Amino acid sequence: MSDSIVIIPTYNEKENIERIIRKVFSLSFPYHILVIDDGSPDGTADIVRGLQAAFNGSLHLEERRGKLGLGTAYIHGFNWCLERDYLYIFEMDADFSHNPDDLIRLRQACIEGADLAIGSRYIKGVNVVNWPMKRVLISYFASGYVRLITGTDIRDATAGFVCYKRKVLETIPLDKIKFVGYAFQIEMKFTTLKYGFKVVEVPIIFTDRTEGTSKMSTKIFREAFFGVIQMKVNSWFRKYNRP
């Protein structure tokens, strides 16, 4: 039984899913993997099922009906993990934009005292490879916008490569996390800070996907832009008391 599990949400990732699974399982530390598949019509879940026997209880699959959103996939995954004994719970994309080798560094940051370790593209300059300049600027200034509105100092607020200590996810009322797109990442980090947990950013190099297609959309961006203001206002009327 590993104390660490990597949640990988998928929708049409048949080009990447087997390679990312085999890469994680090749690391020096024995991570488990939970794939949350949103009914991928390309057979992503079938590929995962075909690999499960080879990895003897370390590879898990949860299938959902239809594309229900990144945030709800992670909430589903968090609750699944909390029903088991994992101490370190990770988020990671399937498309190799996050380097699985960095899982070791994120886990170590939590061992050394972080409650949430963020794989940050912007803590040391701008470490992004193969993104169009327009998207780099949108992402970079989005994090600046989040800092301005929320008063936090996280350099990469939309990062989706993170490690949570179990106690953070046990404390946050996950049923009250409302956003489903990339605003979900902002809301989780903001809420973690509001509960007084320690957040550390670990510098990584982010490389844009070479296989499959991005899930970014105008709707997702709009949710993030306006959602930050709504989230900040709502926080004035909430109490963040840790048990």
C-alpha atoms as a PDB file:
ATOM      1  CA  MET A   1       0.000   0.000   0.000  1.00  0.00           C
ATOM      2  CA  SER A   2       1.460   3.349  -1.065  1.00  0.00           C
ATOM      3  CA  ASP A   3       0.832   6.519   0.952  1.00  0.00           C
ATOM      4  CA  SER A   4       0.649   8.595  -2.258  1.00  0.00           C
ATOM      5  CA  ILE A   5      -1.833   8.615  -5.131  1.00  0.00           C
ATOM      6  CA  VAL A   6      -1.902  10.599  -8.362  1.00  0.00           C
ATOM      7  CA  ILE A   7      -5.334  11.597  -9.684  1.00  0.00           C
ATOM      8  CA  ILE A   8      -5.393  11.936 -13.468  1.00  0.00           C
ATOM      9  CA  PRO A   9      -8.657  13.207 -15.018  1.00  0.00           C
ATOM     10  CA  THR A  10      -9.149  12.152 -18.633  1.00  0.00           C
ATOM     11  CA  TYR A  11     -11.308  12.925 -21.619  1.00  0.00           C
ATOM     12  CA  ASN A  12     -10.083  11.592 -24.964  1.00  0.00           C
ATOM     13  CA  GLU A  13      -6.498  10.908 -23.913  1.00  0.00           C
ATOM     14  CA  LYS A  14      -5.883   7.609 -25.719  1.00  0.00           C
ATOM     15  CA  GLU A  15      -2.626   8.950 -27.208  1.00  0.00           C
ATOM     16  CA  ASN A  16      -1.172   9.710 -23.778  1.00  0.00           C
ATOM     17  CA  ILE A  17      -2.750   7.596 -21.075  1.00  0.00           C
ATOM     18  CA  GLU A  18      -0.675   4.414 -21.303  1.00  0.00           C
ATOM     19  CA  ARG A  19       2.605   6.316 -21.559  1.00  0.00           C
ATOM     20  CA  ILE A  20       1.832   8.544 -18.564  1.00  0.00           C
ATOM     21  CA  ILE A  21       0.756   5.546 -16.449  1.00  0.00           C
ATOM     22  CA  ARG A  22       3.902   3.584 -17.274  1.00  0.00           C
ATOM     23  CA  LYS A  23       6.070   6.635 -16.599  1.00  0.00           C
ATOM     24  CA  VAL A  24       4.574   7.223 -13.131  1.00  0.00           C
ATOM     25  CA  PHE A  25       4.999   3.564 -12.249  1.00  0.00           C
ATOM     26  CA  SER A  26       8.636   3.683 -13.351  1.00  0.00           C
ATOM     27  CA  LEU A  27       9.536   6.276 -10.692  1.00  0.00           C
ATOM     28  CA  SER A  28      11.690   5.373  -7.712  1.00  0.00           C
ATOM     29  CA  PHE A  29       8.768   5.891  -5.305  1.00  0.00           C
ATOM     30  CA  PRO A  30       5.734   3.562  -5.634  1.00  0.00           C
ATOM     31  CA  TYR A  31       2.856   5.928  -6.404  1.00  0.00           C
ATOM     32  CA  HIS A  32      -0.662   4.690  -7.010  1.00  0.00           C
ATOM     33  CA  ILE A  33      -2.776   6.184  -9.807  1.00  0.00           C
ATOM     34  CA  LEU A  34      -6.491   6.973  -9.957  1.00  0.00           C
ATOM     35  CA  VAL A  35      -7.812   7.779 -13.443  1.00  0.00           C
ATOM     36  CA  ILE A  36     -11.140   9.633 -13.520  1.00  0.00           C
ATOM     37  CA  ASP A  37     -12.538   9.220 -17.021  1.00  0.00           C
ATOM     38  CA  ASP A  38     -15.518  11.259 -18.180  1.00  0.00           C
ATOM     39  CA  GLY A  39     -16.914   8.817 -20.718  1.00  0.00           C
ATOM     40  CA  SER A  40     -14.168   9.321 -23.297  1.00  0.00           C
ATOM     41  CA  PRO A  41     -15.555   8.168 -26.663  1.00  0.00           C
ATOM     42  CA  ASP A  42     -12.010   7.397 -27.876  1.00  0.00           C
ATOM     43  CA  GLY A  43     -11.620   4.408 -25.535  1.00  0.00           C
ATOM     44  CA  THR A  44      -9.312   5.940 -22.925  1.00  0.00           C
ATOM     45  CA  ALA A  45     -10.998   3.958 -20.132  1.00  0.00           C
ATOM     46  CA  ASP A  46     -10.618   0.716 -22.093  1.00  0.00           C
ATOM     47  CA  ILE A  47      -6.860   1.285 -22.255  1.00  0.00           C
ATOM     48  CA  VAL A  48      -6.712   1.840 -18.478  1.00  0.00           C
ATOM     49  CA  ARG A  49      -8.751  -1.291 -17.809  1.00  0.00           C
ATOM     50  CA  GLY A  50      -6.399  -3.254 -20.017  1.00  0.00           C
ATOM     51  CA  LEU A  51      -3.444  -2.133 -17.881  1.00  0.00           C
ATOM     52  CA  GLN A  52      -4.930  -2.783 -14.441  1.00  0.00           C
ATOM     53  CA  ALA A  53      -3.987  -6.453 -14.214  1.00  0.00           C
ATOM     54  CA  ALA A  54      -0.355  -5.606 -14.959  1.00  0.00           C
ATOM     55  CA  PHE A  55      -0.128  -3.169 -12.041  1.00  0.00           C
ATOM     56  CA  ASN A  56      -1.643  -5.328  -9.301  1.00  0.00           C
ATOM     57  CA  GLY A  57      -3.896  -2.967  -7.368  1.00  0.00           C
ATOM     58  CA  SER A  58      -1.856   0.195  -7.941  1.00  0.00           C
ATOM     59  CA  LEU A  59      -3.929   1.452 -10.904  1.00  0.00           C
ATOM     60  CA  HIS A  60      -7.535   2.454 -10.246  1.00  0.00           C
ATOM     61  CA  LEU A  61     -10.259   3.663 -12.599  1.00  0.00           C
ATOM     62  CA  GLU A  62     -13.442   5.604 -11.930  1.00  0.00           C
ATOM     63  CA  GLU A  63     -15.738   6.143 -14.905  1.00  0.00           C
ATOM     64  CA  ARG A  64     -18.357   8.877 -15.090  1.00  0.00           C
ATOM     65  CA  ARG A  65     -21.114   9.412 -17.622  1.00  0.00           C
ATOM     66  CA  GLY A  66     -20.300  12.362 -19.847  1.00  0.00           C
ATOM     67  CA  LYS A  67     -17.972  15.329 -19.635  1.00  0.00           C
ATOM     68  CA  LEU A  68     -18.786  16.765 -16.203  1.00  0.00           C
ATOM     69  CA  GLY A  69     -15.862  19.143 -15.730  1.00  0.00           C
ATOM     70  CA  LEU A  70     -12.369  19.168 -14.283  1.00  0.00           C
ATOM     71  CA  GLY A  71     -13.420  20.359 -10.844  1.00  0.00           C
ATOM     72  CA  THR A  72     -16.058  17.707 -10.292  1.00  0.00           C
ATOM     73  CA  ALA A  73     -13.606  15.040 -11.498  1.00  0.00           C
ATOM     74  CA  TYR A  74     -11.090  16.068  -8.860  1.00  0.00           C
ATOM     75  CA  ILE A  75     -13.727  16.309  -6.129  1.00  0.00           C
ATOM     76  CA  HIS A  76     -14.841  12.784  -7.046  1.00  0.00           C
ATOM     77  CA  GLY A  77     -11.214  11.682  -6.876  1.00  0.00           C
ATOM     78  CA  PHE A  78     -10.542  13.432  -3.560  1.00  0.00           C
ATOM     79  CA  ASN A  79     -13.528  11.737  -1.929  1.00  0.00           C
ATOM     80  CA  TRP A  80     -12.450   8.356  -3.328  1.00  0.00           C
ATOM     81  CA  CYS A  81      -8.952   8.821  -1.900  1.00  0.00           C
ATOM     82  CA  LEU A  82     -10.207   9.995   1.498  1.00  0.00           C
ATOM     83  CA  GLU A  83     -12.162   6.761   1.836  1.00  0.00           C
ATOM     84  CA  ARG A  84      -8.777   5.023   1.743  1.00  0.00           C
ATOM     85  CA  ASP A  85      -5.516   5.583   3.613  1.00  0.00           C
ATOM     86  CA  TYR A  86      -3.547   7.878   1.297  1.00  0.00           C
ATOM     87  CA  LEU A  87      -1.571  10.663   2.983  1.00  0.00           C
ATOM     88  CA  TYR A  88      -0.452  12.574  -0.131  1.00  0.00           C
ATOM     89  CA  ILE A  89      -2.943  13.212  -2.923  1.00  0.00           C
ATOM     90  CA  PHE A  90      -1.759  14.632  -6.238  1.00  0.00           C
ATOM     91  CA  GLU A  91      -3.356  16.277  -9.256  1.00  0.00           C
ATOM     92  CA  MET A  92      -1.675  15.783 -12.635  1.00  0.00           C
ATOM     93  CA  ASP A  93      -2.638  16.059 -16.305  1.00  0.00           C
ATOM     94  CA  ALA A  94      -2.468  13.068 -18.617  1.00  0.00           C
ATOM     95  CA  ASP A  95      -0.750  14.867 -21.493  1.00  0.00           C
ATOM     96  CA  PHE A  96       2.855  15.167 -20.201  1.00  0.00           C
ATOM     97  CA  SER A  97       2.560  18.931 -19.741  1.00  0.00           C
ATOM     98  CA  HIS A  98       3.462  18.002 -16.159  1.00  0.00           C
ATOM     99  CA  ASN A  99       6.685  16.030 -15.862  1.00  0.00           C
ATOM    100  CA  PRO A 100       6.015  12.930 -13.710  1.00  0.00           C
ATOM    101  CA  ASP A 101       9.584  13.153 -12.373  1.00  0.00           C
ATOM    102  CA  ASP A 102       8.456  16.259 -10.453  1.00  0.00           C
ATOM    103  CA  LEU A 103       6.034  14.174  -8.375  1.00  0.00           C
ATOM    104  CA  ILE A 104       9.023  13.279  -6.212  1.00  0.00           C
ATOM    105  CA  ARG A 105       9.807  16.946  -5.550  1.00  0.00           C
ATOM    106  CA  LEU A 106       6.202  17.860  -4.751  1.00  0.00           C
ATOM    107  CA  ARG A 107       5.931  15.002  -2.270  1.00  0.00           C
ATOM    108  CA  GLN A 108       9.224  15.998  -0.658  1.00  0.00           C
ATOM    109  CA  ALA A 109       7.988  19.578  -0.218  1.00  0.00           C
ATOM    110  CA  CYS A 110       5.001  18.230   1.744  1.00  0.00           C
ATOM    111  CA  ILE A 111       7.221  15.943   3.799  1.00  0.00           C
ATOM    112  CA  GLU A 112       9.300  19.015   4.677  1.00  0.00           C
ATOM    113  CA  GLY A 113       6.314  21.013   5.927  1.00  0.00           C
ATOM    114  CA  ALA A 114       4.061  22.172   3.102  1.00  0.00           C
ATOM    115  CA  ASP A 115       0.376  21.303   3.335  1.00  0.00           C
ATOM    116  CA  LEU A 116      -0.101  22.072  -0.347  1.00  0.00           C
ATOM    117  CA  ALA A 117       2.813  21.923  -2.791  1.00  0.00           C
ATOM    118  CA  ILE A 118       2.227  23.595  -6.161  1.00  0.00           C
ATOM    119  CA  GLY A 119       4.197  22.783  -9.282  1.00  0.00           C
ATOM    120  CA  SER A 120       4.684  26.407 -10.302  1.00  0.00           C
ATOM    121  CA  ARG A 121       5.434  27.714 -13.781  1.00  0.00           C
ATOM    122  CA  TYR A 122       6.032  31.260 -12.567  1.00  0.00           C
ATOM    123  CA  ILE A 123       7.915  31.132  -9.258  1.00  0.00           C
ATOM    124  CA  LYS A 124      11.230  31.524 -11.106  1.00  0.00           C
ATOM    125  CA  GLY A 125      10.490  33.552 -14.213  1.00  0.00           C
ATOM    126  CA  VAL A 126       8.262  31.964 -16.863  1.00  0.00           C
ATOM    127  CA  ASN A 127       8.996  28.261 -17.352  1.00  0.00           C
ATOM    128  CA  VAL A 128       6.687  27.273 -20.197  1.00  0.00           C
ATOM    129  CA  VAL A 129       7.685  25.369 -23.337  1.00  0.00           C
ATOM    130  CA  ASN A 130       5.771  25.224 -26.650  1.00  0.00           C
ATOM    131  CA  TRP A 131       2.901  27.497 -25.657  1.00  0.00           C
ATOM    132  CA  PRO A 132       1.877  30.323 -28.021  1.00  0.00           C
ATOM    133  CA  MET A 133       2.880  33.690 -26.581  1.00  0.00           C
ATOM    134  CA  LYS A 134      -0.777  34.718 -26.324  1.00  0.00           C
ATOM    135  CA  ARG A 135      -1.557  31.804 -24.026  1.00  0.00           C
ATOM    136  CA  VAL A 136       1.568  32.394 -21.926  1.00  0.00           C
ATOM    137  CA  LEU A 137       0.524  36.000 -21.380  1.00  0.00           C
ATOM    138  CA  ILE A 138      -3.076  35.065 -20.538  1.00  0.00           C
ATOM    139  CA  SER A 139      -1.927  32.492 -17.984  1.00  0.00           C
ATOM    140  CA  TYR A 140       0.751  34.713 -16.452  1.00  0.00           C
ATOM    141  CA  PHE A 141      -1.483  37.760 -16.092  1.00  0.00           C
ATOM    142  CA  ALA A 142      -4.380  35.613 -14.866  1.00  0.00           C
ATOM    143  CA  SER A 143      -2.263  34.681 -11.848  1.00  0.00           C
ATOM    144  CA  GLY A 144      -1.468  38.361 -11.330  1.00  0.00           C
ATOM    145  CA  TYR A 145      -5.172  39.156 -11.505  1.00  0.00           C
ATOM    146  CA  VAL A 146      -5.904  36.478  -8.880  1.00  0.00           C
ATOM    147  CA  ARG A 147      -3.264  37.927  -6.551  1.00  0.00           C
ATOM    148  CA  LEU A 148      -4.726  41.402  -6.979  1.00  0.00           C
ATOM    149  CA  ILE A 149      -8.316  40.375  -6.248  1.00  0.00           C
ATOM    150  CA  THR A 150      -7.669  37.839  -3.481  1.00  0.00           C
ATOM    151  CA  GLY A 151      -4.690  39.422  -1.738  1.00  0.00           C
ATOM    152  CA  THR A 152      -2.774  36.133  -1.848  1.00  0.00           C
ATOM    153  CA  ASP A 153       0.795  35.728  -3.049  1.00  0.00           C
ATOM    154  CA  ILE A 154       0.568  32.540  -5.116  1.00  0.00           C
ATOM    155  CA  ARG A 155       2.499  33.034  -8.356  1.00  0.00           C
ATOM    156  CA  ASP A 156       0.748  30.240 -10.289  1.00  0.00           C
ATOM    157  CA  ALA A 157      -2.850  30.272  -9.107  1.00  0.00           C
ATOM    158  CA  THR A 158      -4.194  28.217 -12.016  1.00  0.00           C
ATOM    159  CA  ALA A 159      -1.603  25.433 -11.717  1.00  0.00           C
ATOM    160  CA  GLY A 160      -3.014  21.940 -12.021  1.00  0.00           C
ATOM    161  CA  PHE A 161       0.039  20.028 -10.804  1.00  0.00           C
ATOM    162  CA  VAL A 162      -0.169  19.875  -7.019  1.00  0.00           C
ATOM    163  CA  CYS A 163       0.195  17.687  -3.936  1.00  0.00           C
ATOM    164  CA  TYR A 164      -2.217  17.952  -1.003  1.00  0.00           C
ATOM    165  CA  LYS A 165      -1.647  16.529   2.411  1.00  0.00           C
ATOM    166  CA  ARG A 166      -4.630  14.467   3.454  1.00  0.00           C
ATOM    167  CA  LYS A 167      -5.544  16.834   6.310  1.00  0.00           C
ATOM    168  CA  VAL A 168      -6.191  19.690   3.857  1.00  0.00           C
ATOM    169  CA  LEU A 169      -8.803  17.749   1.909  1.00  0.00           C
ATOM    170  CA  GLU A 170     -10.327  16.454   5.147  1.00  0.00           C
ATOM    171  CA  THR A 171     -10.705  20.055   6.380  1.00  0.00           C
ATOM    172  CA  ILE A 172     -12.060  21.776   3.264  1.00  0.00           C
ATOM    173  CA  PRO A 173     -15.813  21.153   2.773  1.00  0.00           C
ATOM    174  CA  LEU A 174     -15.438  19.769  -0.734  1.00  0.00           C
ATOM    175  CA  ASP A 175     -19.171  19.970  -1.403  1.00  0.00           C
ATOM    176  CA  LYS A 176     -18.873  23.763  -1.194  1.00  0.00           C
ATOM    177  CA  ILE A 177     -16.262  24.021  -3.958  1.00  0.00           C
ATOM    178  CA  LYS A 178     -18.363  25.363  -6.805  1.00  0.00           C
ATOM    179  CA  PHE A 179     -16.190  25.963  -9.850  1.00  0.00           C
ATOM    180  CA  VAL A 180     -15.697  23.238 -12.433  1.00  0.00           C
ATOM    181  CA  GLY A 181     -13.128  24.618 -14.897  1.00  0.00           C
ATOM    182  CA  TYR A 182      -9.721  26.153 -14.222  1.00  0.00           C
ATOM    183  CA  ALA A 183     -11.350  28.398 -11.617  1.00  0.00           C
ATOM    184  CA  PHE A 184     -11.535  25.223  -9.534  1.00  0.00           C
ATOM    185  CA  GLN A 185      -7.748  25.323  -9.179  1.00  0.00           C
ATOM    186  CA  ILE A 186      -7.892  28.924  -7.977  1.00  0.00           C
ATOM    187  CA  GLU A 187     -10.708  28.203  -5.524  1.00  0.00           C
ATOM    188  CA  MET A 188      -8.919  25.212  -3.995  1.00  0.00           C
ATOM    189  CA  LYS A 189      -5.698  27.168  -3.424  1.00  0.00           C
ATOM    190  CA  PHE A 190      -7.534  30.185  -2.038  1.00  0.00           C
ATOM    191  CA  THR A 191      -9.584  28.001   0.325  1.00  0.00           C
ATOM    192  CA  THR A 192      -6.477  26.136   1.471  1.00  0.00           C
ATOM    193  CA  LEU A 193      -4.884  29.448   2.448  1.00  0.00           C
ATOM    194  CA  LYS A 194      -8.049  30.705   4.155  1.00  0.00           C
ATOM    195  CA  TYR A 195      -7.979  27.640   6.410  1.00  0.00           C
ATOM    196  CA  GLY A 196      -4.462  28.585   7.458  1.00  0.00           C
ATOM    197  CA  PHE A 197      -2.546  25.809   5.726  1.00  0.00           C
ATOM    198  CA  LYS A 198       0.995  26.268   4.467  1.00  0.00           C
ATOM    199  CA  VAL A 199       1.319  26.558   0.686  1.00  0.00           C
ATOM    200  CA  VAL A 200       4.689  26.173  -1.056  1.00  0.00           C
ATOM    201  CA  GLU A 201       5.462  26.643  -4.750  1.00  0.00           C
ATOM    202  CA  VAL A 202       7.983  24.292  -6.334  1.00  0.00           C
ATOM    203  CA  PRO A 203       9.450  25.469  -9.650  1.00  0.00           C
ATOM    204  CA  ILE A 204       8.704  23.211 -12.609  1.00  0.00           C
ATOM    205  CA  ILE A 205       8.988  23.421 -16.393  1.00  0.00           C
ATOM    206  CA  PHE A 206       5.592  23.133 -18.085  1.00  0.00           C
ATOM    207  CA  THR A 207       5.606  21.648 -21.591  1.00  0.00           C
ATOM    208  CA  ASP A 208       2.523  21.924 -23.775  1.00  0.00           C
ATOM    209  CA  ARG A 209       0.948  18.690 -24.962  1.00  0.00           C
ATOM    210  CA  THR A 210       2.182  17.115 -28.200  1.00  0.00           C
ATOM    211  CA  GLU A 211      -0.652  14.554 -28.447  1.00  0.00           C
ATOM    212  CA  GLY A 212      -4.414  15.073 -28.122  1.00  0.00           C
ATOM    213  CA  THR A 213      -6.219  18.391 -27.851  1.00  0.00           C
ATOM    214  CA  SER A 214      -6.477  21.060 -25.162  1.00  0.00           C
ATOM    215  CA  LYS A 215      -9.707  21.313 -23.150  1.00  0.00           C
ATOM    216  CA  MET A 216      -9.440  25.101 -22.650  1.00  0.00           C
ATOM    217  CA  SER A 217     -12.485  27.098 -23.817  1.00  0.00           C
ATOM    218  CA  THR A 218     -13.885  30.625 -23.623  1.00  0.00           C
ATOM    219  CA  LYS A 219     -16.492  29.418 -21.111  1.00  0.00           C
ATOM    220  CA  ILE A 220     -13.775  28.066 -18.817  1.00  0.00           C
ATOM    221  CA  PHE A 221     -11.806  31.320 -19.045  1.00  0.00           C
ATOM    222  CA  ARG A 222     -14.914  33.406 -18.328  1.00  0.00           C
ATOM    223  CA  GLU A 223     -15.720  31.307 -15.261  1.00  0.00           C
ATOM    224  CA  ALA A 224     -12.228  31.929 -13.927  1.00  0.00           C
ATOM    225  CA  PHE A 225     -12.247  35.677 -14.626  1.00  0.00           C
ATOM    226  CA  PHE A 226     -15.582  36.487 -13.000  1.00  0.00           C
ATOM    227  CA  GLY A 227     -15.455  33.638 -10.511  1.00  0.00           C
ATOM    228  CA  VAL A 228     -12.461  35.111  -8.678  1.00  0.00           C
ATOM    229  CA  ILE A 229     -14.448  38.217  -7.739  1.00  0.00           C
ATOM    230  CA  GLN A 230     -17.424  36.115  -6.657  1.00  0.00           C
ATOM    231  CA  MET A 231     -15.154  33.839  -4.631  1.00  0.00           C
ATOM    232  CA  LYS A 232     -13.531  36.770  -2.826  1.00  0.00           C
ATOM    233  CA  VAL A 233     -16.870  38.392  -1.974  1.00  0.00           C
ATOM    234  CA  ASN A 234     -18.301  35.093  -0.728  1.00  0.00           C
ATOM    235  CA  SER A 235     -15.280  34.631   1.526  1.00  0.00           C
ATOM    236  CA  TRP A 236     -16.272  37.726   3.514  1.00  0.00           C
ATOM    237  CA  PHE A 237     -19.347  35.856   4.727  1.00  0.00           C
ATOM    238  CA  ARG A 238     -17.733  32.494   5.497  1.00  0.00           C
ATOM    239  CA  LYS A 239     -15.926  31.211   8.537  1.00  0.00           C
ATOM    240  CA  TYR A 240     -12.787  29.158   7.994  1.00  0.00           C
ATOM    241  CA  ASN A 241     -12.451  27.295  11.281  1.00  0.00           C
ATOM    242  CA  ARG A 242     -10.311  24.194  11.332  1.00  0.00           C
ATOM    243  CA  PRO A 243     -11.598  21.351  13.507  1.00  0.00           C
END
